[in-house]
Amino acid sequence: TRGKIFNVHFRNIAGGKLSFMETFPDEGDMDMVRSLKVYKEVGYRYMIMPDHVPTISGRDPTGVAFAFCYGYITALLEAMKQ
């Protein structure tokens, strides 16, 4: 209600405090769909972005990993418009 949050690092993890591993948004312990619904319910209207991404193999591992995360976030936001 105070409007203090303006940037959400939308990432998922597996594990717990002091012992966790970064995962892709669709793989970790958090329910990312539910999390995004809560942001919508409280009227959050600012940036939702990936933070850290897991390491993958390939020609551009970081670029591909971030592209997946941005695509996942975009798909969830579009699905919430329904």
PDB file of N, CA and C in Angstrom:
ATOM      1  N   THR A   1       0.813  -1.205   0.000  1.00  0.00           N
ATOM      2  CA  THR A   1       0.000   0.000   0.000  1.00  0.00           C
ATOM      3  C   THR A   1       0.853   1.263   0.000  1.00  0.00           C
ATOM      4  N   ARG A   2       2.109   1.158   0.409  1.00  0.00           N
ATOM      5  CA  ARG A   2       2.980   2.330   0.430  1.00  0.00           C
ATOM      6  C   ARG A   2       3.661   2.579  -0.910  1.00  0.00           C
ATOM      7  N   GLY A   3       3.571   1.618  -1.849  1.00  0.00           N
ATOM      8  CA  GLY A   3       4.174   1.797  -3.166  1.00  0.00           C
ATOM      9  C   GLY A   3       5.692   1.840  -3.134  1.00  0.00           C
ATOM     10  N   LYS A   4       6.310   1.084  -2.265  1.00  0.00           N
ATOM     11  CA  LYS A   4       7.759   1.114  -2.106  1.00  0.00           C
ATOM     12  C   LYS A   4       8.498   0.108  -2.989  1.00  0.00           C
ATOM     13  N   ILE A   5       7.799  -0.909  -3.485  1.00  0.00           N
ATOM     14  CA  ILE A   5       8.451  -1.910  -4.339  1.00  0.00           C
ATOM     15  C   ILE A   5       8.304  -1.455  -5.784  1.00  0.00           C
ATOM     16  N   PHE A   6       9.442  -1.356  -6.497  1.00  0.00           N
ATOM     17  CA  PHE A   6       9.398  -0.906  -7.880  1.00  0.00           C
ATOM     18  C   PHE A   6      10.136  -1.841  -8.831  1.00  0.00           C
ATOM     19  N   ASN A   7      10.760  -2.892  -8.309  1.00  0.00           N
ATOM     20  CA  ASN A   7      11.517  -3.809  -9.156  1.00  0.00           C
ATOM     21  C   ASN A   7      11.537  -5.175  -8.474  1.00  0.00           C
ATOM     22  N   VAL A   8      10.937  -6.176  -9.115  1.00  0.00           N
ATOM     23  CA  VAL A   8      10.913  -7.530  -8.556  1.00  0.00           C
ATOM     24  C   VAL A   8      11.889  -8.406  -9.327  1.00  0.00           C
ATOM     25  N   HIS A   9      12.841  -9.009  -8.608  1.00  0.00           N
ATOM     26  CA  HIS A   9      13.725 -10.008  -9.199  1.00  0.00           C
ATOM     27  C   HIS A   9      12.988 -11.337  -9.116  1.00  0.00           C
ATOM     28  N   PHE A  10      12.419 -11.744 -10.220  1.00  0.00           N
ATOM     29  CA  PHE A  10      11.534 -12.903 -10.302  1.00  0.00           C
ATOM     30  C   PHE A  10      12.372 -14.134 -10.608  1.00  0.00           C
ATOM     31  N   ARG A  11      12.766 -14.841  -9.550  1.00  0.00           N
ATOM     32  CA  ARG A  11      13.599 -16.033  -9.720  1.00  0.00           C
ATOM     33  C   ARG A  11      13.120 -17.122  -8.789  1.00  0.00           C
ATOM     34  N   ASN A  12      13.545 -18.330  -9.058  1.00  0.00           N
ATOM     35  CA  ASN A  12      13.128 -19.475  -8.263  1.00  0.00           C
ATOM     36  C   ASN A  12      14.367 -20.176  -7.721  1.00  0.00           C
ATOM     37  N   ILE A  13      14.183 -20.902  -6.632  1.00  0.00           N
ATOM     38  CA  ILE A  13      15.277 -21.659  -6.029  1.00  0.00           C
ATOM     39  C   ILE A  13      14.782 -23.036  -5.608  1.00  0.00           C
ATOM     40  N   ALA A  14      15.736 -23.924  -5.416  1.00  0.00           N
ATOM     41  CA  ALA A  14      15.475 -25.226  -4.805  1.00  0.00           C
ATOM     42  C   ALA A  14      16.317 -25.278  -3.542  1.00  0.00           C
ATOM     43  N   GLY A  15      15.710 -25.630  -2.434  1.00  0.00           N
ATOM     44  CA  GLY A  15      16.433 -25.683  -1.169  1.00  0.00           C
ATOM     45  C   GLY A  15      15.904 -24.661  -0.195  1.00  0.00           C
ATOM     46  N   GLY A  16      16.735 -24.280   0.758  1.00  0.00           N
ATOM     47  CA  GLY A  16      16.301 -23.348   1.784  1.00  0.00           C
ATOM     48  C   GLY A  16      17.372 -22.332   2.109  1.00  0.00           C
ATOM     49  N   LYS A  17      17.127 -21.557   3.132  1.00  0.00           N
ATOM     50  CA  LYS A  17      18.037 -20.507   3.557  1.00  0.00           C
ATOM     51  C   LYS A  17      19.434 -21.072   3.789  1.00  0.00           C
ATOM     52  N   LEU A  18      20.413 -20.406   3.197  1.00  0.00           N
ATOM     53  CA  LEU A  18      21.832 -20.756   3.301  1.00  0.00           C
ATOM     54  C   LEU A  18      22.210 -22.057   2.603  1.00  0.00           C
ATOM     55  N   SER A  19      21.256 -22.739   1.987  1.00  0.00           N
ATOM     56  CA  SER A  19      21.560 -23.965   1.255  1.00  0.00           C
ATOM     57  C   SER A  19      20.566 -24.116   0.111  1.00  0.00           C
ATOM     58  N   PHE A  20      20.777 -23.348  -0.952  1.00  0.00           N
ATOM     59  CA  PHE A  20      19.850 -23.387  -2.081  1.00  0.00           C
ATOM     60  C   PHE A  20      20.606 -23.324  -3.396  1.00  0.00           C
ATOM     61  N   MET A  21      19.886 -23.635  -4.462  1.00  0.00           N
ATOM     62  CA  MET A  21      20.435 -23.577  -5.812  1.00  0.00           C
ATOM     63  C   MET A  21      19.454 -22.803  -6.683  1.00  0.00           C
ATOM     64  N   GLU A  22      19.972 -21.914  -7.502  1.00  0.00           N
ATOM     65  CA  GLU A  22      19.123 -21.167  -8.429  1.00  0.00           C
ATOM     66  C   GLU A  22      18.552 -22.142  -9.456  1.00  0.00           C
ATOM     67  N   THR A  23      17.282 -21.959  -9.811  1.00  0.00           N
ATOM     68  CA  THR A  23      16.648 -22.799 -10.823  1.00  0.00           C
ATOM     69  C   THR A  23      15.936 -21.903 -11.839  1.00  0.00           C
ATOM     70  N   PHE A  24      15.469 -22.502 -12.901  1.00  0.00           N
ATOM     71  CA  PHE A  24      14.606 -21.769 -13.822  1.00  0.00           C
ATOM     72  C   PHE A  24      13.258 -21.563 -13.133  1.00  0.00           C
ATOM     73  N   PRO A  25      12.489 -20.570 -13.562  1.00  0.00           N
ATOM     74  CA  PRO A  25      11.245 -20.239 -12.862  1.00  0.00           C
ATOM     75  C   PRO A  25      10.257 -21.396 -12.756  1.00  0.00           C
ATOM     76  N   ASP A  26      10.280 -22.305 -13.698  1.00  0.00           N
ATOM     77  CA  ASP A  26       9.315 -23.407 -13.696  1.00  0.00           C
ATOM     78  C   ASP A  26       9.831 -24.656 -12.983  1.00  0.00           C
ATOM     79  N   GLU A  27      11.015 -24.591 -12.360  1.00  0.00           N
ATOM     80  CA  GLU A  27      11.616 -25.796 -11.784  1.00  0.00           C
ATOM     81  C   GLU A  27      11.788 -25.790 -10.263  1.00  0.00           C
ATOM     82  N   GLY A  28      11.753 -24.663  -9.622  1.00  0.00           N
ATOM     83  CA  GLY A  28      12.107 -24.587  -8.207  1.00  0.00           C
ATOM     84  C   GLY A  28      10.969 -24.884  -7.252  1.00  0.00           C
ATOM     85  N   ASP A  29      11.190 -24.517  -6.005  1.00  0.00           N
ATOM     86  CA  ASP A  29      10.241 -24.789  -4.927  1.00  0.00           C
ATOM     87  C   ASP A  29       9.087 -23.791  -4.879  1.00  0.00           C
ATOM     88  N   MET A  30       9.281 -22.606  -5.409  1.00  0.00           N
ATOM     89  CA  MET A  30       8.251 -21.571  -5.364  1.00  0.00           C
ATOM     90  C   MET A  30       7.194 -21.807  -6.446  1.00  0.00           C
ATOM     91  N   ASP A  31       5.974 -21.437  -6.146  1.00  0.00           N
ATOM     92  CA  ASP A  31       4.888 -21.467  -7.124  1.00  0.00           C
ATOM     93  C   ASP A  31       4.877 -20.086  -7.787  1.00  0.00           C
ATOM     94  N   MET A  32       5.555 -19.975  -8.906  1.00  0.00           N
ATOM     95  CA  MET A  32       5.750 -18.677  -9.550  1.00  0.00           C
ATOM     96  C   MET A  32       4.445 -18.117 -10.108  1.00  0.00           C
ATOM     97  N   VAL A  33       3.537 -18.969 -10.529  1.00  0.00           N
ATOM     98  CA  VAL A  33       2.234 -18.511 -11.006  1.00  0.00           C
ATOM     99  C   VAL A  33       1.489 -17.846  -9.846  1.00  0.00           C
ATOM    100  N   ARG A  34       1.471 -18.500  -8.715  1.00  0.00           N
ATOM    101  CA  ARG A  34       0.802 -17.949  -7.528  1.00  0.00           C
ATOM    102  C   ARG A  34       1.465 -16.637  -7.100  1.00  0.00           C
ATOM    103  N   SER A  35       2.788 -16.597  -7.142  1.00  0.00           N
ATOM    104  CA  SER A  35       3.508 -15.380  -6.756  1.00  0.00           C
ATOM    105  C   SER A  35       3.099 -14.209  -7.648  1.00  0.00           C
ATOM    106  N   LEU A  36       3.040 -14.441  -8.951  1.00  0.00           N
ATOM    107  CA  LEU A  36       2.671 -13.368  -9.869  1.00  0.00           C
ATOM    108  C   LEU A  36       1.226 -12.935  -9.663  1.00  0.00           C
ATOM    109  N   LYS A  37       0.362 -13.892  -9.338  1.00  0.00           N
ATOM    110  CA  LYS A  37      -1.040 -13.544  -9.054  1.00  0.00           C
ATOM    111  C   LYS A  37      -1.137 -12.623  -7.845  1.00  0.00           C
ATOM    112  N   VAL A  38      -0.320 -12.853  -6.834  1.00  0.00           N
ATOM    113  CA  VAL A  38      -0.329 -11.996  -5.639  1.00  0.00           C
ATOM    114  C   VAL A  38       0.108 -10.577  -6.005  1.00  0.00           C
ATOM    115  N   TYR A  39       1.159 -10.450  -6.811  1.00  0.00           N
ATOM    116  CA  TYR A  39       1.580  -9.114  -7.254  1.00  0.00           C
ATOM    117  C   TYR A  39       0.435  -8.402  -7.976  1.00  0.00           C
ATOM    118  N   LYS A  40      -0.284  -9.154  -8.800  1.00  0.00           N
ATOM    119  CA  LYS A  40      -1.420  -8.557  -9.515  1.00  0.00           C
ATOM    120  C   LYS A  40      -2.529  -8.144  -8.543  1.00  0.00           C
ATOM    121  N   GLU A  41      -2.836  -9.018  -7.586  1.00  0.00           N
ATOM    122  CA  GLU A  41      -3.905  -8.741  -6.614  1.00  0.00           C
ATOM    123  C   GLU A  41      -3.639  -7.472  -5.801  1.00  0.00           C
ATOM    124  N   VAL A  42      -2.386  -7.219  -5.469  1.00  0.00           N
ATOM    125  CA  VAL A  42      -2.068  -6.037  -4.653  1.00  0.00           C
ATOM    126  C   VAL A  42      -1.849  -4.786  -5.508  1.00  0.00           C
ATOM    127  N   GLY A  43      -2.002  -4.937  -6.826  1.00  0.00           N
ATOM    128  CA  GLY A  43      -1.898  -3.782  -7.712  1.00  0.00           C
ATOM    129  C   GLY A  43      -0.484  -3.383  -8.104  1.00  0.00           C
ATOM    130  N   TYR A  44       0.474  -4.303  -7.961  1.00  0.00           N
ATOM    131  CA  TYR A  44       1.853  -4.012  -8.369  1.00  0.00           C
ATOM    132  C   TYR A  44       1.882  -3.780  -9.876  1.00  0.00           C
ATOM    133  N   ARG A  45       2.505  -2.682 -10.317  1.00  0.00           N
ATOM    134  CA  ARG A  45       2.481  -2.354 -11.746  1.00  0.00           C
ATOM    135  C   ARG A  45       3.844  -2.005 -12.325  1.00  0.00           C
ATOM    136  N   TYR A  46       4.874  -2.403 -11.640  1.00  0.00           N
ATOM    137  CA  TYR A  46       6.214  -2.033 -12.096  1.00  0.00           C
ATOM    138  C   TYR A  46       6.952  -3.231 -12.692  1.00  0.00           C
ATOM    139  N   MET A  47       8.260  -3.215 -12.629  1.00  0.00           N
ATOM    140  CA  MET A  47       9.104  -4.172 -13.334  1.00  0.00           C
ATOM    141  C   MET A  47       9.139  -5.546 -12.659  1.00  0.00           C
ATOM    142  N   ILE A  48       8.998  -6.593 -13.479  1.00  0.00           N
ATOM    143  CA  ILE A  48       9.196  -7.989 -13.061  1.00  0.00           C
ATOM    144  C   ILE A  48      10.275  -8.531 -13.989  1.00  0.00           C
ATOM    145  N   MET A  49      11.407  -8.936 -13.432  1.00  0.00           N
ATOM    146  CA  MET A  49      12.527  -9.342 -14.278  1.00  0.00           C
ATOM    147  C   MET A  49      13.298 -10.502 -13.660  1.00  0.00           C
ATOM    148  N   PRO A  50      13.978 -11.291 -14.511  1.00  0.00           N
ATOM    149  CA  PRO A  50      14.826 -12.350 -13.961  1.00  0.00           C
ATOM    150  C   PRO A  50      16.015 -11.729 -13.227  1.00  0.00           C
ATOM    151  N   ASP A  51      16.593 -12.492 -12.327  1.00  0.00           N
ATOM    152  CA  ASP A  51      17.770 -12.017 -11.598  1.00  0.00           C
ATOM    153  C   ASP A  51      18.953 -12.894 -11.982  1.00  0.00           C
ATOM    154  N   HIS A  52      19.168 -13.945 -11.243  1.00  0.00           N
ATOM    155  CA  HIS A  52      20.216 -14.901 -11.583  1.00  0.00           C
ATOM    156  C   HIS A  52      19.565 -16.047 -12.343  1.00  0.00           C
ATOM    157  N   VAL A  53      20.303 -16.630 -13.265  1.00  0.00           N
ATOM    158  CA  VAL A  53      19.782 -17.771 -14.022  1.00  0.00           C
ATOM    159  C   VAL A  53      20.750 -18.939 -13.885  1.00  0.00           C
ATOM    160  N   PRO A  54      20.246 -20.158 -13.964  1.00  0.00           N
ATOM    161  CA  PRO A  54      21.140 -21.314 -13.890  1.00  0.00           C
ATOM    162  C   PRO A  54      22.092 -21.349 -15.085  1.00  0.00           C
ATOM    163  N   THR A  55      23.184 -22.040 -14.900  1.00  0.00           N
ATOM    164  CA  THR A  55      24.141 -22.232 -15.981  1.00  0.00           C
ATOM    165  C   THR A  55      23.657 -23.363 -16.874  1.00  0.00           C
ATOM    166  N   ILE A  56      23.692 -23.131 -18.175  1.00  0.00           N
ATOM    167  CA  ILE A  56      23.331 -24.164 -19.143  1.00  0.00           C
ATOM    168  C   ILE A  56      24.464 -24.275 -20.145  1.00  0.00           C
ATOM    169  N   SER A  57      24.442 -25.273 -20.978  1.00  0.00           N
ATOM    170  CA  SER A  57      25.487 -25.410 -21.995  1.00  0.00           C
ATOM    171  C   SER A  57      24.996 -24.815 -23.305  1.00  0.00           C
ATOM    172  N   GLY A  58      25.929 -24.554 -24.195  1.00  0.00           N
ATOM    173  CA  GLY A  58      25.580 -24.024 -25.507  1.00  0.00           C
ATOM    174  C   GLY A  58      26.461 -22.855 -25.887  1.00  0.00           C
ATOM    175  N   ARG A  59      26.188 -22.285 -27.064  1.00  0.00           N
ATOM    176  CA  ARG A  59      27.005 -21.195 -27.597  1.00  0.00           C
ATOM    177  C   ARG A  59      26.900 -19.923 -26.767  1.00  0.00           C
ATOM    178  N   ASP A  60      25.713 -19.613 -26.276  1.00  0.00           N
ATOM    179  CA  ASP A  60      25.488 -18.409 -25.470  1.00  0.00           C
ATOM    180  C   ASP A  60      24.669 -18.785 -24.235  1.00  0.00           C
ATOM    181  N   PRO A  61      25.279 -19.482 -23.291  1.00  0.00           N
ATOM    182  CA  PRO A  61      24.529 -20.028 -22.158  1.00  0.00           C
ATOM    183  C   PRO A  61      23.746 -18.974 -21.378  1.00  0.00           C
ATOM    184  N   THR A  62      24.368 -17.871 -21.051  1.00  0.00           N
ATOM    185  CA  THR A  62      23.670 -16.849 -20.267  1.00  0.00           C
ATOM    186  C   THR A  62      22.549 -16.207 -21.068  1.00  0.00           C
ATOM    187  N   GLY A  63      22.802 -15.892 -22.329  1.00  0.00           N
ATOM    188  CA  GLY A  63      21.783 -15.268 -23.175  1.00  0.00           C
ATOM    189  C   GLY A  63      20.560 -16.147 -23.349  1.00  0.00           C
ATOM    190  N   VAL A  64      20.790 -17.429 -23.582  1.00  0.00           N
ATOM    191  CA  VAL A  64      19.680 -18.359 -23.771  1.00  0.00           C
ATOM    192  C   VAL A  64      18.901 -18.539 -22.465  1.00  0.00           C
ATOM    193  N   ALA A  65      19.617 -18.642 -21.349  1.00  0.00           N
ATOM    194  CA  ALA A  65      18.957 -18.811 -20.053  1.00  0.00           C
ATOM    195  C   ALA A  65      18.097 -17.592 -19.730  1.00  0.00           C
ATOM    196  N   PHE A  66      18.637 -16.384 -19.946  1.00  0.00           N
ATOM    197  CA  PHE A  66      17.846 -15.177 -19.695  1.00  0.00           C
ATOM    198  C   PHE A  66      16.668 -15.075 -20.658  1.00  0.00           C
ATOM    199  N   ALA A  67      16.868 -15.462 -21.914  1.00  0.00           N
ATOM    200  CA  ALA A  67      15.775 -15.416 -22.892  1.00  0.00           C
ATOM    201  C   ALA A  67      14.624 -16.324 -22.443  1.00  0.00           C
ATOM    202  N   PHE A  68      14.954 -17.512 -21.939  1.00  0.00           N
ATOM    203  CA  PHE A  68      13.918 -18.410 -21.442  1.00  0.00           C
ATOM    204  C   PHE A  68      13.156 -17.751 -20.297  1.00  0.00           C
ATOM    205  N   CYS A  69      13.882 -17.165 -19.344  1.00  0.00           N
ATOM    206  CA  CYS A  69      13.241 -16.548 -18.176  1.00  0.00           C
ATOM    207  C   CYS A  69      12.347 -15.377 -18.584  1.00  0.00           C
ATOM    208  N   TYR A  70      12.826 -14.530 -19.493  1.00  0.00           N
ATOM    209  CA  TYR A  70      11.986 -13.425 -19.970  1.00  0.00           C
ATOM    210  C   TYR A  70      10.753 -13.953 -20.686  1.00  0.00           C
ATOM    211  N   GLY A  71      10.916 -15.006 -21.480  1.00  0.00           N
ATOM    212  CA  GLY A  71       9.774 -15.603 -22.168  1.00  0.00           C
ATOM    213  C   GLY A  71       8.773 -16.192 -21.191  1.00  0.00           C
ATOM    214  N   TYR A  72       9.262 -16.834 -20.141  1.00  0.00           N
ATOM    215  CA  TYR A  72       8.395 -17.422 -19.125  1.00  0.00           C
ATOM    216  C   TYR A  72       7.591 -16.330 -18.427  1.00  0.00           C
ATOM    217  N   ILE A  73       8.253 -15.262 -18.041  1.00  0.00           N
ATOM    218  CA  ILE A  73       7.568 -14.146 -17.374  1.00  0.00           C
ATOM    219  C   ILE A  73       6.539 -13.532 -18.301  1.00  0.00           C
ATOM    220  N   THR A  74       6.904 -13.314 -19.537  1.00  0.00           N
ATOM    221  CA  THR A  74       5.973 -12.723 -20.508  1.00  0.00           C
ATOM    222  C   THR A  74       4.748 -13.615 -20.698  1.00  0.00           C
ATOM    223  N   ALA A  75       4.964 -14.923 -20.790  1.00  0.00           N
ATOM    224  CA  ALA A  75       3.851 -15.862 -20.956  1.00  0.00           C
ATOM    225  C   ALA A  75       2.910 -15.821 -19.752  1.00  0.00           C
ATOM    226  N   LEU A  76       3.480 -15.769 -18.548  1.00  0.00           N
ATOM    227  CA  LEU A  76       2.623 -15.690 -17.340  1.00  0.00           C
ATOM    228  C   LEU A  76       1.818 -14.394 -17.325  1.00  0.00           C
ATOM    229  N   LEU A  77       2.458 -13.288 -17.660  1.00  0.00           N
ATOM    230  CA  LEU A  77       1.745 -12.004 -17.682  1.00  0.00           C
ATOM    231  C   LEU A  77       0.621 -12.015 -18.718  1.00  0.00           C
ATOM    232  N   GLU A  78       0.881 -12.593 -19.868  1.00  0.00           N
ATOM    233  CA  GLU A  78      -0.158 -12.690 -20.906  1.00  0.00           C
ATOM    234  C   GLU A  78      -1.296 -13.588 -20.446  1.00  0.00           C
ATOM    235  N   ALA A  79      -0.966 -14.695 -19.804  1.00  0.00           N
ATOM    236  CA  ALA A  79      -1.991 -15.630 -19.320  1.00  0.00           C
ATOM    237  C   ALA A  79      -2.874 -14.967 -18.260  1.00  0.00           C
ATOM    238  N   MET A  80      -2.311 -14.052 -17.503  1.00  0.00           N
ATOM    239  CA  MET A  80      -3.085 -13.378 -16.441  1.00  0.00           C
ATOM    240  C   MET A  80      -4.079 -12.377 -17.007  1.00  0.00           C
ATOM    241  N   LYS A  81      -3.926 -12.000 -18.258  1.00  0.00           N
ATOM    242  CA  LYS A  81      -4.860 -11.070 -18.885  1.00  0.00           C
ATOM    243  C   LYS A  81      -6.198 -11.736 -19.188  1.00  0.00           C
ATOM    244  N   GLN A  82      -6.221 -13.065 -19.216  1.00  0.00           N
ATOM    245  CA  GLN A  82      -7.433 -13.804 -19.569  1.00  0.00           C
ATOM    246  C   GLN A  82      -8.477 -13.689 -18.494  1.00  0.00           C
TER     247      GLN A  82
END
